[in-house]
Amino acid sequence: MFNFFNRFFLFTVITVLFASSMSFSQDGNIVYIQTFEFQMPDNGSWSEFDSLMTIVTENVTAKYDKVLSQRVVRHQWGSDSRQLIVIREFAKIEDLVLDDTADGDLFRAHWKTPEERKAFSQAYNKYWRGQHSDEIYQEFKGGRK
């Protein structure tokens, strides 16, 4: 039998869950930010890196239709010039969750053999220190300019 305290507790839990789901409703897009530690290897160059990034963008990122936009920015001024940030925008969180699978599938579709994938990965990965962070944000539509 529900007494007053049980009813109050149940009402409170339902209210909190409903309110929290409303405050986190997806009114704005999902913004996924990856911050990488970049390195310029002795056998590397900005032109090669730019070329490799363009190849990945054209053959992987651009072919995943759930990516609404992408920006790749480099730390230009300040304390840590090793930072390179990839910003991707998605309509909903489910599209971001599927992004890893889509990236892998599209990567394998473009570089068809293990040898091709290994050669490209070696050229591309020499620019990364192996450190990165991932952040997921939700946009406030009212903050757009």
N, C-alpha and C. Protein backbone atom coordinates (compact mmCIF):
# COMPACT_ATOMS: atom_id res chain seq x y z
N MET A 1 0.84 -1.18 0.00
CA MET A 1 0.00 0.00 0.00
C MET A 1 0.89 1.25 0.00
N PHE A 2 0.56 2.19 -0.89
CA PHE A 2 1.33 3.43 -0.96
C PHE A 2 0.87 4.39 0.12
N ASN A 3 1.80 4.77 0.94
CA ASN A 3 1.48 5.82 1.89
C ASN A 3 1.91 7.16 1.31
N PHE A 4 1.75 8.22 2.04
CA PHE A 4 2.07 9.56 1.57
C PHE A 4 3.53 9.68 1.14
N PHE A 5 4.45 9.13 1.92
CA PHE A 5 5.88 9.26 1.60
C PHE A 5 6.25 8.49 0.34
N ASN A 6 5.68 7.32 0.15
CA ASN A 6 5.94 6.57 -1.08
C ASN A 6 5.43 7.31 -2.30
N ARG A 7 4.21 7.87 -2.19
CA ARG A 7 3.66 8.64 -3.30
C ARG A 7 4.51 9.87 -3.59
N PHE A 8 4.91 10.56 -2.53
CA PHE A 8 5.74 11.75 -2.69
C PHE A 8 7.07 11.39 -3.36
N PHE A 9 7.69 10.31 -2.92
CA PHE A 9 8.96 9.87 -3.50
C PHE A 9 8.79 9.53 -4.98
N LEU A 10 7.75 8.76 -5.30
CA LEU A 10 7.49 8.38 -6.68
C LEU A 10 7.22 9.63 -7.54
N PHE A 11 6.41 10.56 -7.04
CA PHE A 11 6.13 11.80 -7.76
C PHE A 11 7.41 12.59 -7.99
N THR A 12 8.28 12.65 -6.98
CA THR A 12 9.54 13.39 -7.09
C THR A 12 10.44 12.77 -8.15
N VAL A 13 10.57 11.46 -8.14
CA VAL A 13 11.42 10.77 -9.11
C VAL A 13 10.89 11.00 -10.52
N ILE A 14 9.61 10.86 -10.74
CA ILE A 14 9.03 11.06 -12.07
C ILE A 14 9.23 12.51 -12.51
N THR A 15 9.03 13.45 -11.62
CA THR A 15 9.21 14.87 -11.95
C THR A 15 10.64 15.17 -12.34
N VAL A 16 11.59 14.65 -11.56
CA VAL A 16 13.01 14.89 -11.85
C VAL A 16 13.38 14.28 -13.20
N LEU A 17 12.95 13.05 -13.46
CA LEU A 17 13.26 12.42 -14.74
C LEU A 17 12.64 13.18 -15.90
N PHE A 18 11.40 13.60 -15.74
CA PHE A 18 10.73 14.35 -16.81
C PHE A 18 11.41 15.69 -17.04
N ALA A 19 11.72 16.39 -15.96
CA ALA A 19 12.36 17.70 -16.09
C ALA A 19 13.75 17.58 -16.69
N SER A 20 14.50 16.56 -16.28
CA SER A 20 15.86 16.42 -16.82
C SER A 20 15.81 16.02 -18.29
N SER A 21 14.84 15.22 -18.69
CA SER A 21 14.75 14.87 -20.10
C SER A 21 14.33 16.08 -20.93
N MET A 22 13.53 16.96 -20.36
CA MET A 22 13.14 18.17 -21.09
C MET A 22 14.32 19.13 -21.21
N SER A 23 15.11 19.26 -20.14
CA SER A 23 16.20 20.21 -20.19
C SER A 23 17.32 19.72 -21.10
N PHE A 24 17.38 18.44 -21.37
CA PHE A 24 18.40 17.90 -22.26
C PHE A 24 17.80 17.46 -23.59
N SER A 25 16.60 17.96 -23.90
CA SER A 25 16.02 17.59 -25.18
C SER A 25 16.90 18.13 -26.29
N GLN A 26 16.86 17.47 -27.41
CA GLN A 26 17.78 17.82 -28.48
C GLN A 26 17.18 18.90 -29.37
N ASP A 27 17.19 20.11 -28.85
CA ASP A 27 16.74 21.24 -29.65
C ASP A 27 17.85 21.71 -30.58
N GLY A 28 19.09 21.51 -30.17
CA GLY A 28 20.23 21.94 -30.97
C GLY A 28 21.04 20.75 -31.43
N ASN A 29 21.95 21.01 -32.33
CA ASN A 29 22.80 19.94 -32.86
C ASN A 29 23.83 19.49 -31.84
N ILE A 30 24.38 18.31 -32.10
CA ILE A 30 25.44 17.75 -31.28
C ILE A 30 26.77 18.17 -31.89
N VAL A 31 27.67 18.67 -31.06
CA VAL A 31 28.99 19.10 -31.51
C VAL A 31 30.03 18.22 -30.82
N TYR A 32 30.80 17.52 -31.64
CA TYR A 32 31.82 16.58 -31.17
C TYR A 32 33.18 17.21 -31.41
N ILE A 33 33.94 17.39 -30.35
CA ILE A 33 35.24 18.05 -30.45
C ILE A 33 36.33 17.09 -29.99
N GLN A 34 37.28 16.85 -30.87
CA GLN A 34 38.44 16.03 -30.56
C GLN A 34 39.67 16.94 -30.58
N THR A 35 40.43 16.92 -29.50
CA THR A 35 41.65 17.71 -29.42
C THR A 35 42.82 16.74 -29.47
N PHE A 36 43.64 16.87 -30.51
CA PHE A 36 44.78 15.98 -30.72
C PHE A 36 46.08 16.72 -30.44
N GLU A 37 47.09 15.97 -30.04
CA GLU A 37 48.43 16.51 -29.93
C GLU A 37 49.16 16.21 -31.24
N PHE A 38 49.41 17.26 -31.97
CA PHE A 38 50.05 17.19 -33.28
C PHE A 38 51.57 17.21 -33.11
N GLN A 39 52.26 16.59 -34.04
CA GLN A 39 53.73 16.68 -34.08
C GLN A 39 54.18 16.76 -35.53
N MET A 40 55.20 17.54 -35.77
CA MET A 40 55.77 17.61 -37.11
C MET A 40 57.00 16.72 -37.13
N PRO A 41 56.90 15.54 -37.76
CA PRO A 41 58.05 14.63 -37.78
C PRO A 41 59.15 15.15 -38.70
N ASP A 42 60.36 14.64 -38.51
CA ASP A 42 61.50 15.06 -39.33
C ASP A 42 61.24 14.85 -40.83
N ASN A 43 60.53 13.77 -41.15
CA ASN A 43 60.26 13.49 -42.56
C ASN A 43 58.87 13.96 -42.99
N GLY A 44 58.32 14.96 -42.28
CA GLY A 44 57.00 15.46 -42.60
C GLY A 44 57.04 16.88 -43.14
N SER A 45 55.88 17.34 -43.61
CA SER A 45 55.76 18.71 -44.11
C SER A 45 54.30 19.13 -44.00
N TRP A 46 54.09 20.45 -43.96
CA TRP A 46 52.72 20.95 -43.91
C TRP A 46 51.96 20.58 -45.18
N SER A 47 52.62 20.58 -46.30
CA SER A 47 51.92 20.24 -47.54
C SER A 47 51.49 18.77 -47.55
N GLU A 48 52.34 17.88 -47.03
CA GLU A 48 51.94 16.47 -46.95
C GLU A 48 50.78 16.31 -45.98
N PHE A 49 50.89 16.94 -44.81
CA PHE A 49 49.82 16.83 -43.82
C PHE A 49 48.50 17.35 -44.38
N ASP A 50 48.53 18.50 -45.03
CA ASP A 50 47.33 19.07 -45.63
C ASP A 50 46.75 18.12 -46.67
N SER A 51 47.60 17.52 -47.47
CA SER A 51 47.15 16.56 -48.48
C SER A 51 46.49 15.34 -47.83
N LEU A 52 47.11 14.81 -46.78
CA LEU A 52 46.54 13.65 -46.09
C LEU A 52 45.20 13.98 -45.45
N MET A 53 45.10 15.15 -44.82
CA MET A 53 43.83 15.57 -44.21
C MET A 53 42.75 15.73 -45.27
N THR A 54 43.12 16.27 -46.42
CA THR A 54 42.16 16.44 -47.51
C THR A 54 41.67 15.09 -48.03
N ILE A 55 42.58 14.14 -48.15
CA ILE A 55 42.21 12.79 -48.61
C ILE A 55 41.23 12.15 -47.64
N VAL A 56 41.49 12.24 -46.35
CA VAL A 56 40.58 11.67 -45.34
C VAL A 56 39.23 12.38 -45.39
N THR A 57 39.26 13.70 -45.46
CA THR A 57 38.00 14.46 -45.48
C THR A 57 37.16 14.11 -46.70
N GLU A 58 37.78 14.06 -47.87
CA GLU A 58 37.03 13.78 -49.10
C GLU A 58 36.53 12.34 -49.19
N ASN A 59 37.31 11.39 -48.67
CA ASN A 59 36.99 9.98 -48.89
C ASN A 59 36.36 9.28 -47.68
N VAL A 60 36.35 9.94 -46.55
CA VAL A 60 35.74 9.35 -45.37
C VAL A 60 34.68 10.30 -44.81
N THR A 61 35.10 11.42 -44.27
CA THR A 61 34.18 12.33 -43.59
C THR A 61 33.07 12.83 -44.51
N ALA A 62 33.41 13.29 -45.69
CA ALA A 62 32.41 13.86 -46.61
C ALA A 62 31.41 12.81 -47.09
N LYS A 63 31.78 11.56 -47.04
CA LYS A 63 30.89 10.50 -47.52
C LYS A 63 29.94 9.99 -46.44
N TYR A 64 30.15 10.41 -45.20
CA TYR A 64 29.21 10.04 -44.12
C TYR A 64 28.20 11.17 -44.02
N ASP A 65 27.01 10.94 -44.56
CA ASP A 65 26.02 12.00 -44.70
C ASP A 65 25.47 12.53 -43.37
N LYS A 66 25.76 11.88 -42.28
CA LYS A 66 25.29 12.35 -40.97
C LYS A 66 26.17 13.46 -40.40
N VAL A 67 27.35 13.66 -40.95
CA VAL A 67 28.21 14.77 -40.53
C VAL A 67 27.68 16.02 -41.22
N LEU A 68 27.11 16.94 -40.43
CA LEU A 68 26.55 18.17 -41.00
C LEU A 68 27.65 19.16 -41.38
N SER A 69 28.69 19.21 -40.55
CA SER A 69 29.81 20.09 -40.85
C SER A 69 31.04 19.58 -40.11
N GLN A 70 32.19 19.98 -40.61
CA GLN A 70 33.44 19.65 -39.94
C GLN A 70 34.40 20.82 -40.12
N ARG A 71 35.14 21.10 -39.08
CA ARG A 71 36.23 22.08 -39.12
C ARG A 71 37.44 21.43 -38.48
N VAL A 72 38.60 21.68 -39.05
CA VAL A 72 39.86 21.25 -38.44
C VAL A 72 40.66 22.53 -38.22
N VAL A 73 41.00 22.78 -36.96
CA VAL A 73 41.72 24.01 -36.62
C VAL A 73 42.98 23.67 -35.85
N ARG A 74 43.99 24.52 -36.04
CA ARG A 74 45.27 24.33 -35.35
C ARG A 74 45.48 25.48 -34.39
N HIS A 75 46.04 25.15 -33.25
CA HIS A 75 46.37 26.18 -32.27
C HIS A 75 47.36 27.15 -32.91
N GLN A 76 46.95 28.40 -33.05
CA GLN A 76 47.77 29.37 -33.77
C GLN A 76 48.68 30.18 -32.84
N TRP A 77 48.21 30.49 -31.65
CA TRP A 77 48.97 31.39 -30.80
C TRP A 77 48.73 31.02 -29.34
N GLY A 78 49.76 30.98 -28.56
CA GLY A 78 49.58 30.72 -27.14
C GLY A 78 50.53 29.68 -26.63
N SER A 79 50.10 28.99 -25.59
CA SER A 79 51.02 28.14 -24.84
C SER A 79 51.28 26.77 -25.44
N ASP A 80 50.38 26.23 -26.25
CA ASP A 80 50.57 24.86 -26.73
C ASP A 80 50.24 24.75 -28.21
N SER A 81 51.23 24.97 -29.04
CA SER A 81 51.00 24.96 -30.49
C SER A 81 50.85 23.55 -31.05
N ARG A 82 50.89 22.53 -30.20
CA ARG A 82 50.72 21.15 -30.67
C ARG A 82 49.25 20.79 -30.84
N GLN A 83 48.34 21.61 -30.37
CA GLN A 83 46.93 21.25 -30.42
C GLN A 83 46.36 21.38 -31.83
N LEU A 84 45.66 20.34 -32.25
CA LEU A 84 44.90 20.35 -33.48
C LEU A 84 43.51 19.85 -33.10
N ILE A 85 42.50 20.60 -33.47
CA ILE A 85 41.14 20.29 -33.02
C ILE A 85 40.26 19.98 -34.22
N VAL A 86 39.53 18.87 -34.12
CA VAL A 86 38.56 18.48 -35.13
C VAL A 86 37.18 18.68 -34.53
N ILE A 87 36.36 19.47 -35.20
CA ILE A 87 35.00 19.79 -34.72
C ILE A 87 34.01 19.24 -35.73
N ARG A 88 33.18 18.31 -35.29
CA ARG A 88 32.15 17.75 -36.16
C ARG A 88 30.78 18.05 -35.58
N GLU A 89 29.84 18.31 -36.46
CA GLU A 89 28.48 18.63 -36.05
C GLU A 89 27.52 17.57 -36.59
N PHE A 90 26.63 17.11 -35.70
CA PHE A 90 25.63 16.09 -36.05
C PHE A 90 24.25 16.59 -35.63
N ALA A 91 23.22 16.10 -36.28
CA ALA A 91 21.86 16.48 -35.94
C ALA A 91 21.41 15.86 -34.62
N LYS A 92 21.88 14.63 -34.34
CA LYS A 92 21.45 13.94 -33.12
C LYS A 92 22.55 13.03 -32.62
N ILE A 93 22.46 12.65 -31.38
CA ILE A 93 23.50 11.86 -30.73
C ILE A 93 23.68 10.50 -31.40
N GLU A 94 22.61 9.93 -31.92
CA GLU A 94 22.70 8.61 -32.57
C GLU A 94 23.62 8.66 -33.79
N ASP A 95 23.62 9.78 -34.49
CA ASP A 95 24.50 9.93 -35.66
C ASP A 95 25.96 9.94 -35.25
N LEU A 96 26.25 10.55 -34.11
CA LEU A 96 27.61 10.56 -33.58
C LEU A 96 28.03 9.15 -33.16
N VAL A 97 27.14 8.43 -32.51
CA VAL A 97 27.46 7.08 -32.04
C VAL A 97 27.82 6.18 -33.22
N LEU A 98 27.15 6.35 -34.34
CA LEU A 98 27.43 5.54 -35.54
C LEU A 98 28.65 6.02 -36.32
N ASP A 99 29.19 7.19 -35.95
CA ASP A 99 30.29 7.79 -36.69
C ASP A 99 31.52 6.89 -36.74
N ASP A 100 31.89 6.27 -35.64
CA ASP A 100 33.07 5.39 -35.63
C ASP A 100 32.92 4.23 -36.61
N THR A 101 31.75 3.61 -36.60
CA THR A 101 31.50 2.49 -37.52
C THR A 101 31.55 2.97 -38.97
N ALA A 102 30.89 4.10 -39.24
CA ALA A 102 30.88 4.64 -40.60
C ALA A 102 32.28 5.00 -41.05
N ASP A 103 33.06 5.65 -40.17
CA ASP A 103 34.44 6.01 -40.51
C ASP A 103 35.25 4.78 -40.90
N GLY A 104 35.13 3.72 -40.11
CA GLY A 104 35.87 2.50 -40.40
C GLY A 104 35.44 1.87 -41.72
N ASP A 105 34.14 1.81 -41.94
CA ASP A 105 33.63 1.23 -43.18
C ASP A 105 34.07 2.05 -44.40
N LEU A 106 33.99 3.37 -44.29
CA LEU A 106 34.38 4.23 -45.41
C LEU A 106 35.89 4.19 -45.64
N PHE A 107 36.66 4.08 -44.57
CA PHE A 107 38.12 3.96 -44.69
C PHE A 107 38.47 2.68 -45.45
N ARG A 108 37.86 1.56 -45.06
CA ARG A 108 38.12 0.28 -45.73
C ARG A 108 37.61 0.28 -47.17
N ALA A 109 36.54 1.04 -47.44
CA ALA A 109 36.02 1.11 -48.81
C ALA A 109 36.98 1.87 -49.73
N HIS A 110 37.65 2.88 -49.20
CA HIS A 110 38.57 3.66 -50.04
C HIS A 110 39.93 2.97 -50.18
N TRP A 111 40.49 2.51 -49.06
CA TRP A 111 41.77 1.79 -49.08
C TRP A 111 41.41 0.31 -48.98
N LYS A 112 41.32 -0.33 -50.11
CA LYS A 112 40.69 -1.65 -50.20
C LYS A 112 41.51 -2.80 -49.64
N THR A 113 42.82 -2.72 -49.70
CA THR A 113 43.64 -3.84 -49.23
C THR A 113 44.31 -3.48 -47.90
N PRO A 114 44.66 -4.49 -47.13
CA PRO A 114 45.39 -4.22 -45.89
C PRO A 114 46.69 -3.45 -46.13
N GLU A 115 47.34 -3.71 -47.24
CA GLU A 115 48.59 -3.02 -47.56
C GLU A 115 48.35 -1.53 -47.81
N GLU A 116 47.28 -1.21 -48.54
CA GLU A 116 46.95 0.19 -48.79
C GLU A 116 46.60 0.91 -47.48
N ARG A 117 45.83 0.25 -46.63
CA ARG A 117 45.44 0.85 -45.35
C ARG A 117 46.66 1.06 -44.47
N LYS A 118 47.56 0.10 -44.45
CA LYS A 118 48.77 0.22 -43.63
C LYS A 118 49.66 1.36 -44.13
N ALA A 119 49.86 1.45 -45.43
CA ALA A 119 50.71 2.50 -46.00
C ALA A 119 50.14 3.89 -45.70
N PHE A 120 48.83 4.05 -45.89
CA PHE A 120 48.23 5.35 -45.62
C PHE A 120 48.31 5.67 -44.12
N SER A 121 47.98 4.70 -43.29
CA SER A 121 47.99 4.92 -41.84
C SER A 121 49.38 5.30 -41.34
N GLN A 122 50.41 4.68 -41.87
CA GLN A 122 51.77 5.03 -41.46
C GLN A 122 52.10 6.48 -41.83
N ALA A 123 51.72 6.90 -43.03
CA ALA A 123 51.98 8.28 -43.46
C ALA A 123 51.19 9.27 -42.61
N TYR A 124 49.94 8.95 -42.33
CA TYR A 124 49.05 9.84 -41.59
C TYR A 124 49.38 9.88 -40.09
N ASN A 125 49.61 8.72 -39.51
CA ASN A 125 49.80 8.63 -38.05
C ASN A 125 51.12 9.23 -37.56
N LYS A 126 52.08 9.44 -38.43
CA LYS A 126 53.34 10.02 -37.98
C LYS A 126 53.16 11.46 -37.50
N TYR A 127 52.01 12.08 -37.80
CA TYR A 127 51.75 13.45 -37.39
C TYR A 127 51.07 13.54 -36.02
N TRP A 128 50.77 12.45 -35.40
CA TRP A 128 50.04 12.46 -34.12
C TRP A 128 50.90 11.90 -33.00
N ARG A 129 50.84 12.54 -31.85
CA ARG A 129 51.62 12.12 -30.69
C ARG A 129 50.93 10.99 -29.91
N GLY A 130 49.71 10.65 -30.24
CA GLY A 130 49.01 9.58 -29.56
C GLY A 130 48.12 10.05 -28.43
N GLN A 131 48.14 11.33 -28.14
CA GLN A 131 47.29 11.89 -27.08
C GLN A 131 46.12 12.63 -27.73
N HIS A 132 44.93 12.42 -27.18
CA HIS A 132 43.79 13.21 -27.62
C HIS A 132 42.69 13.16 -26.56
N SER A 133 41.76 14.08 -26.69
CA SER A 133 40.59 14.08 -25.82
C SER A 133 39.34 14.20 -26.68
N ASP A 134 38.22 13.75 -26.14
CA ASP A 134 36.94 13.81 -26.83
C ASP A 134 35.94 14.53 -25.93
N GLU A 135 35.22 15.47 -26.50
CA GLU A 135 34.16 16.15 -25.78
C GLU A 135 32.92 16.18 -26.67
N ILE A 136 31.77 16.02 -26.04
CA ILE A 136 30.50 16.06 -26.75
C ILE A 136 29.66 17.17 -26.13
N TYR A 137 29.20 18.08 -26.98
CA TYR A 137 28.40 19.21 -26.53
C TYR A 137 27.08 19.23 -27.28
N GLN A 138 26.09 19.90 -26.68
CA GLN A 138 24.85 20.15 -27.39
C GLN A 138 24.71 21.65 -27.57
N GLU A 139 24.40 22.03 -28.78
CA GLU A 139 24.29 23.44 -29.14
C GLU A 139 23.02 24.05 -28.54
N PHE A 140 23.12 25.30 -28.12
CA PHE A 140 21.96 26.11 -27.79
C PHE A 140 21.64 26.93 -29.02
N LYS A 141 20.51 26.62 -29.65
CA LYS A 141 20.17 27.29 -30.92
C LYS A 141 20.10 28.80 -30.76
N GLY A 142 19.67 29.26 -29.60
CA GLY A 142 19.54 30.70 -29.37
C GLY A 142 20.87 31.42 -29.35
N GLY A 143 21.97 30.67 -29.32
CA GLY A 143 23.30 31.28 -29.30
C GLY A 143 23.92 31.45 -30.66
N ARG A 144 23.22 31.07 -31.72
CA ARG A 144 23.77 31.19 -33.08
C ARG A 144 23.78 32.63 -33.55
N LYS A 145 24.74 32.92 -34.35
CA LYS A 145 24.80 34.25 -34.97
C LYS A 145 24.45 34.13 -36.43
